[in-house]
Amino acid sequence: MKKIKLAIFSSIVFLFVWTGDTLAQNVPFPESNAVWKVSQTTIAGPIFSYVALCGDTLLNGTSYAQVRSLQVDDQLNITSSGFEGALRNEGEQVYFLPSWSANEYLLYDFSLQAGNVISLYSPVLGDYLDRQVDSVKVENLAGQDRKVIYFQPTEAWMPVESWIAGIGSTYGPLGRGVEPFPDYGGELLCFQHGSEYHNETLIECFLPQLPESCGIVNAAPEPPITLEPLKLTAQPNPSGNVAVRFATNLKQLPEPCNLKIYAANGKLLATVANAQPETMLPGDLVLGQGFHIATLESERTERVLAHCTFMVAEPK
């Protein structure tokens, strides 16, 4: 009799564990009203960005959720947004269609198990790379038991990437696969989808409130007019003896800014006050050969609004 009871008890425990794992694997990826905060580490300091799923769209006859980059002010009010691409779920697979391409690629596969190897397309590399799953766990995150997939780092000192079901990668929702290197790569800080909130940091992590119109399917007859995200470029790049001109994609900066020039080691070389949409490198500033970083920073908060890298080549 004891053996029978023990067998029944073991079966119940196994069924409970098995069912919990199954439920954890089926937490769906968001399809609307979700927002992520990501930190990108650069030599000039961290840059924070926000990514949101906001609104549906029909592309190539297929329904997608819009992926948008958000620009926010100091009070986390959304001042503008840019279309990054579109996302769709297919079972445990998540696909992404970038704004610059007619072809989608596999973003996530939450059916992976320990030992599996997955080939992931990387836009920054323009090629595929293989990542191997180290382990798979079930963890209670953001109020639900979720499947968490841990990948083996390519080097022991590299940060370990994990995929969290219904949330995405610890490298950021779109930055998965490629381990961070100087001036590229991200770290997920926090995430919110409705009442679900997940914080990867040890301090409070604040997110912008998405507008009520987010998620309305093709509500507007014409797309809303939005400002492009602020971008900074250096021309010519690489430069020689020719003066370097820094230009933004906007005709007017959102607030008073300083243009700062940094060396590759992070040393501040120059500050140009009252930067304009087009600003010349000071004529009395002589830069050595090699890699440099330019940033546009708010005069009031010193927050980095845009940045770019440029090379100074050997004079001809």
Protein backbone atom coordinates (compact mmCIF):
# COMPACT_ATOMS: atom_id res chain seq x y z
CA MET A 1 0.00 0.00 0.00
CA LYS A 2 2.82 2.41 0.82
CA LYS A 3 4.42 1.75 -2.55
CA ILE A 4 1.13 2.52 -4.33
CA LYS A 5 0.67 5.77 -2.39
CA LEU A 6 4.26 6.76 -3.11
CA ALA A 7 3.77 6.10 -6.83
CA ILE A 8 0.57 8.17 -6.91
CA PHE A 9 2.26 11.02 -5.00
CA SER A 10 5.27 10.95 -7.36
CA SER A 11 2.94 11.04 -10.37
CA ILE A 12 1.09 14.05 -8.94
CA VAL A 13 4.35 15.90 -8.26
CA PHE A 14 5.64 15.10 -11.76
CA LEU A 15 2.35 16.24 -13.32
CA PHE A 16 2.45 19.48 -11.33
CA VAL A 17 6.04 20.24 -12.36
CA TRP A 18 5.41 19.26 -15.98
CA THR A 19 2.25 21.38 -16.16
CA GLY A 20 4.03 24.37 -14.62
CA ASP A 21 6.81 24.12 -17.20
CA THR A 22 4.26 23.91 -20.00
CA LEU A 23 2.42 26.98 -18.74
CA ALA A 24 5.69 28.85 -18.40
CA GLN A 25 6.62 28.09 -22.00
CA ASN A 26 3.31 29.46 -23.28
CA VAL A 27 3.55 33.04 -21.99
CA PRO A 28 2.94 34.89 -25.27
CA PHE A 29 5.10 37.72 -26.53
CA PRO A 30 3.27 41.09 -26.40
CA GLU A 31 1.43 42.26 -29.49
CA SER A 32 0.59 45.81 -28.33
CA ASN A 33 0.93 48.34 -25.49
CA ALA A 34 4.38 47.19 -24.35
CA VAL A 35 7.43 49.35 -23.66
CA TRP A 36 11.10 48.55 -22.90
CA LYS A 37 13.90 50.75 -21.53
CA VAL A 38 17.40 49.92 -22.75
CA SER A 39 20.83 51.27 -21.80
CA GLN A 40 23.62 51.48 -24.37
CA THR A 41 27.11 51.92 -22.95
CA THR A 42 29.50 54.12 -24.92
CA ILE A 43 32.87 55.66 -24.16
CA ALA A 44 31.06 58.97 -23.68
CA GLY A 45 28.69 57.43 -21.12
CA PRO A 46 25.36 55.56 -21.10
CA ILE A 47 22.58 56.42 -23.56
CA PHE A 48 19.02 55.42 -22.64
CA SER A 49 16.45 54.47 -25.26
CA TYR A 50 12.83 53.36 -25.23
CA VAL A 51 11.16 50.85 -27.56
CA ALA A 52 7.40 50.32 -27.75
CA LEU A 53 4.84 48.12 -29.43
CA CYS A 54 2.17 50.61 -30.41
CA GLY A 55 -0.51 50.00 -33.02
CA ASP A 56 -1.17 47.38 -35.69
CA THR A 57 -0.20 47.52 -39.36
CA LEU A 58 -0.66 45.44 -42.50
CA LEU A 59 2.52 44.79 -44.50
CA ASN A 60 2.80 42.48 -47.51
CA GLY A 61 -0.66 41.14 -46.65
CA THR A 62 0.45 40.10 -43.13
CA SER A 63 -0.69 41.62 -39.84
CA TYR A 64 2.07 43.00 -37.61
CA ALA A 65 2.47 45.08 -34.48
CA GLN A 66 4.40 48.33 -34.97
CA VAL A 67 7.76 48.61 -33.23
CA ARG A 68 8.57 52.26 -32.50
CA SER A 69 11.50 54.08 -30.91
CA LEU A 70 10.32 56.75 -28.48
CA GLN A 71 11.78 60.16 -27.75
CA VAL A 72 10.85 61.48 -24.29
CA ASP A 73 11.39 64.65 -22.28
CA ASP A 74 12.63 64.91 -18.69
CA GLN A 75 9.12 64.08 -17.39
CA LEU A 76 8.96 60.97 -19.62
CA ASN A 77 6.32 62.54 -21.85
CA ILE A 78 6.60 61.13 -25.37
CA THR A 79 7.64 63.97 -27.69
CA SER A 80 8.06 61.93 -30.88
CA SER A 81 8.50 58.41 -32.19
CA GLY A 82 10.04 56.66 -35.17
CA PHE A 83 8.97 53.49 -36.98
CA GLU A 84 11.62 50.80 -36.45
CA GLY A 85 9.79 47.89 -38.02
CA ALA A 86 7.05 45.37 -37.35
CA LEU A 87 6.68 42.26 -35.23
CA ARG A 88 4.48 39.18 -35.31
CA ASN A 89 4.08 35.98 -33.29
CA GLU A 90 3.81 32.50 -34.74
CA GLY A 91 3.46 30.02 -31.91
CA GLU A 92 6.63 30.24 -29.84
CA GLN A 93 8.50 32.02 -32.62
CA VAL A 94 8.65 35.83 -32.95
CA TYR A 95 9.50 37.44 -36.30
CA PHE A 96 10.69 40.98 -37.02
CA LEU A 97 10.38 42.95 -40.25
CA PRO A 98 12.79 45.92 -40.11
CA SER A 99 11.77 49.24 -41.65
CA TRP A 100 14.71 49.13 -44.08
CA SER A 101 13.99 45.66 -45.51
CA ALA A 102 11.28 43.76 -47.35
CA ASN A 103 12.24 40.52 -45.60
CA GLU A 104 11.52 39.51 -42.02
CA TYR A 105 13.84 37.42 -39.87
CA LEU A 106 13.47 35.22 -36.78
CA LEU A 107 13.83 37.37 -33.67
CA TYR A 108 13.11 34.79 -30.93
CA ASP A 109 12.36 31.08 -30.60
CA PHE A 110 11.07 30.22 -27.14
CA SER A 111 10.84 26.49 -27.91
CA LEU A 112 14.62 26.11 -27.44
CA GLN A 113 15.97 23.62 -24.92
CA ALA A 114 19.38 23.13 -23.28
CA GLY A 115 22.06 22.20 -25.81
CA ASN A 116 20.14 23.56 -28.82
CA VAL A 117 22.03 25.76 -31.29
CA ILE A 118 20.14 28.53 -33.07
CA SER A 119 21.28 30.54 -36.08
CA LEU A 120 20.32 34.21 -35.66
CA TYR A 121 20.49 36.98 -38.25
CA SER A 122 22.29 40.10 -37.04
CA PRO A 123 21.58 43.36 -38.92
CA VAL A 124 24.66 45.00 -37.42
CA LEU A 125 26.89 42.20 -38.72
CA GLY A 126 24.90 41.64 -41.91
CA ASP A 127 25.27 37.90 -41.37
CA TYR A 128 24.11 34.94 -39.30
CA LEU A 129 25.72 33.79 -36.07
CA ASP A 130 25.20 30.63 -34.02
CA ARG A 131 24.32 30.75 -30.32
CA GLN A 132 24.09 27.67 -28.08
CA VAL A 133 21.64 27.30 -25.22
CA ASP A 134 23.40 26.65 -21.91
CA SER A 135 20.35 25.99 -19.73
CA VAL A 136 16.61 26.56 -19.47
CA LYS A 137 14.79 27.47 -16.27
CA VAL A 138 11.30 28.47 -15.12
CA GLU A 139 11.30 31.66 -13.06
CA ASN A 140 8.52 33.77 -11.61
CA LEU A 141 8.99 37.17 -13.26
CA ALA A 142 6.48 40.01 -13.71
CA GLY A 143 3.80 37.98 -11.93
CA GLN A 144 4.02 34.83 -14.08
CA ASP A 145 6.05 31.64 -14.32
CA ARG A 146 8.13 32.23 -17.42
CA LYS A 147 10.56 30.13 -19.39
CA VAL A 148 14.05 31.69 -19.29
CA ILE A 149 16.63 30.56 -21.85
CA TYR A 150 20.29 31.14 -20.94
CA PHE A 151 22.92 31.20 -23.71
CA GLN A 152 26.58 30.29 -23.48
CA PRO A 153 28.76 33.41 -23.80
CA THR A 154 31.44 33.31 -26.50
CA GLU A 155 33.98 34.39 -23.88
CA ALA A 156 33.90 33.81 -20.12
CA TRP A 157 34.01 37.56 -19.38
CA MET A 158 31.08 38.37 -21.69
CA PRO A 159 27.67 39.16 -20.10
CA VAL A 160 25.33 36.17 -20.20
CA GLU A 161 22.32 36.70 -22.44
CA SER A 162 18.94 35.26 -21.48
CA TRP A 163 15.59 35.26 -23.25
CA ILE A 164 12.55 35.69 -21.00
CA ALA A 165 9.25 34.41 -22.38
CA GLY A 166 6.83 37.28 -22.97
CA ILE A 167 9.56 39.90 -22.38
CA GLY A 168 12.53 39.31 -24.67
CA SER A 169 16.31 39.45 -24.36
CA THR A 170 18.40 40.93 -21.56
CA TYR A 171 20.33 42.65 -24.39
CA GLY A 172 17.16 44.59 -25.32
CA PRO A 173 14.11 43.53 -27.37
CA LEU A 174 15.82 43.99 -30.76
CA GLY A 175 19.46 43.63 -29.70
CA ARG A 176 19.46 39.90 -29.05
CA GLY A 177 22.20 37.58 -30.24
CA VAL A 178 25.17 39.95 -30.60
CA GLU A 179 27.21 40.43 -27.44
CA PRO A 180 27.86 44.10 -26.63
CA PHE A 181 31.06 45.72 -27.85
CA PRO A 182 32.24 49.37 -27.78
CA ASP A 183 29.58 51.73 -29.10
CA TYR A 184 27.13 48.89 -29.81
CA GLY A 185 24.86 46.68 -27.84
CA GLY A 186 22.34 47.20 -25.10
CA GLU A 187 21.20 46.09 -21.68
CA LEU A 188 17.54 45.71 -20.77
CA LEU A 189 16.68 47.86 -17.77
CA CYS A 190 12.93 47.37 -17.41
CA PHE A 191 9.75 46.36 -19.24
CA GLN A 192 6.02 46.93 -18.90
CA HIS A 193 3.03 45.37 -20.63
CA GLY A 194 -0.30 46.36 -19.07
CA SER A 195 -0.05 45.37 -15.40
CA GLU A 196 3.08 43.26 -16.01
CA TYR A 197 6.26 45.02 -14.90
CA HIS A 198 9.80 43.62 -14.86
CA ASN A 199 12.89 45.43 -13.58
CA GLU A 200 16.39 44.07 -14.29
CA THR A 201 18.05 46.71 -12.09
CA LEU A 202 18.35 47.20 -8.33
CA ILE A 203 16.80 50.68 -8.41
CA GLU A 204 13.51 52.14 -9.60
CA CYS A 205 13.19 52.09 -13.37
CA PHE A 206 10.65 54.49 -14.85
CA LEU A 207 8.90 54.08 -18.19
CA PRO A 208 6.78 56.47 -20.28
CA GLN A 209 3.03 56.05 -20.30
CA LEU A 210 1.87 54.97 -23.74
CA PRO A 211 -0.99 57.04 -25.21
CA GLU A 212 -4.53 55.68 -25.15
CA SER A 213 -4.59 55.54 -28.95
CA CYS A 214 -1.85 52.93 -28.91
CA GLY A 215 -3.13 49.69 -30.37
CA ILE A 216 -5.99 51.09 -32.50
CA VAL A 217 -5.94 49.24 -35.81
CA ASN A 218 -5.50 51.63 -38.74
CA ALA A 219 -7.60 54.25 -36.93
CA ALA A 220 -6.18 57.26 -38.75
CA PRO A 221 -6.78 57.65 -42.50
CA GLU A 222 -3.27 59.09 -42.75
CA PRO A 223 -0.25 58.35 -40.57
CA PRO A 224 0.31 60.94 -37.85
CA ILE A 225 3.06 63.48 -38.42
CA THR A 226 5.92 62.79 -36.02
CA LEU A 227 9.41 64.15 -35.63
CA GLU A 228 12.26 61.86 -36.55
CA PRO A 229 14.52 60.69 -33.74
CA LEU A 230 17.49 63.04 -33.38
CA LYS A 231 20.59 61.75 -35.19
CA LEU A 232 24.10 63.17 -35.45
CA THR A 233 26.59 62.59 -38.28
CA ALA A 234 30.15 63.73 -39.00
CA GLN A 235 31.27 64.73 -42.50
CA PRO A 236 33.69 63.89 -43.98
CA ASN A 237 34.23 60.61 -42.21
CA PRO A 238 37.05 59.65 -42.14
CA SER A 239 38.52 63.14 -42.15
CA GLY A 240 42.02 64.40 -42.84
CA ASN A 241 43.05 68.01 -43.03
CA VAL A 242 39.51 69.01 -44.01
CA ALA A 243 37.42 70.63 -41.28
CA VAL A 244 34.83 68.29 -39.80
CA ARG A 245 31.17 69.33 -39.98
CA PHE A 246 28.61 67.84 -37.59
CA ALA A 247 25.02 67.76 -38.81
CA THR A 248 21.69 66.59 -37.40
CA ASN A 249 18.69 65.30 -39.30
CA LEU A 250 16.45 68.03 -37.81
CA LYS A 251 16.27 71.66 -38.85
CA GLN A 252 15.84 72.70 -35.22
CA LEU A 253 17.23 71.07 -32.09
CA PRO A 254 14.62 70.09 -29.45
CA GLU A 255 16.46 72.09 -26.75
CA PRO A 256 19.73 74.04 -26.23
CA CYS A 257 22.65 71.67 -26.65
CA ASN A 258 26.43 71.41 -26.33
CA LEU A 259 28.52 69.51 -28.85
CA LYS A 260 31.25 67.52 -27.09
CA ILE A 261 34.22 65.74 -28.66
CA TYR A 262 35.80 62.74 -26.89
CA ALA A 263 38.91 60.69 -27.58
CA ALA A 264 38.69 56.91 -27.83
CA ASN A 265 39.73 56.58 -24.17
CA GLY A 266 36.80 58.75 -23.05
CA LYS A 267 38.84 61.94 -22.47
CA LEU A 268 36.86 65.11 -23.20
CA LEU A 269 38.74 67.10 -25.86
CA ALA A 270 36.41 70.01 -26.61
CA THR A 271 32.99 71.48 -25.85
CA VAL A 272 31.13 73.67 -28.34
CA ALA A 273 28.38 75.64 -26.59
CA ASN A 274 25.10 76.55 -28.27
CA ALA A 275 25.38 73.82 -30.89
CA GLN A 276 23.27 74.21 -34.03
CA PRO A 277 21.78 71.66 -36.46
CA GLU A 278 25.07 72.15 -38.36
CA THR A 279 28.21 72.84 -36.32
CA MET A 280 31.85 72.99 -37.44
CA LEU A 281 34.68 71.51 -35.44
CA PRO A 282 36.64 74.40 -33.83
CA GLY A 283 39.52 75.39 -36.14
CA ASP A 284 42.01 75.55 -33.27
CA LEU A 285 41.28 71.98 -32.18
CA VAL A 286 43.82 69.51 -33.55
CA LEU A 287 42.74 65.88 -33.27
CA GLY A 288 45.13 62.98 -33.39
CA GLN A 289 44.70 60.07 -35.77
CA GLY A 290 42.18 57.42 -34.83
CA PHE A 291 38.70 56.94 -33.43
CA HIS A 292 36.68 59.79 -31.83
CA ILE A 293 33.15 60.29 -30.50
CA ALA A 294 30.91 63.32 -30.80
CA THR A 295 27.83 63.81 -28.61
CA LEU A 296 24.96 66.29 -28.51
CA GLU A 297 24.13 66.88 -24.86
CA SER A 298 21.38 68.90 -23.24
CA GLU A 299 22.75 72.10 -21.72
CA ARG A 300 20.28 71.82 -18.83
CA THR A 301 20.44 68.12 -17.91
CA GLU A 302 23.67 67.00 -19.68
CA ARG A 303 21.68 64.06 -21.06
CA VAL A 304 23.11 62.63 -24.30
CA LEU A 305 20.52 63.22 -27.03
CA ALA A 306 22.52 61.91 -30.00
CA HIS A 307 26.02 60.69 -30.77
CA CYS A 308 28.22 59.52 -33.61
CA THR A 309 31.70 58.15 -34.14
CA PHE A 310 34.23 59.41 -36.66
CA MET A 311 37.79 58.72 -37.71
CA VAL A 312 40.67 61.12 -38.20
CA ALA A 313 42.95 59.72 -40.90
CA GLU A 314 46.58 60.42 -41.61
CA PRO A 315 46.99 63.73 -43.47
CA LYS A 316 47.77 63.30 -47.15
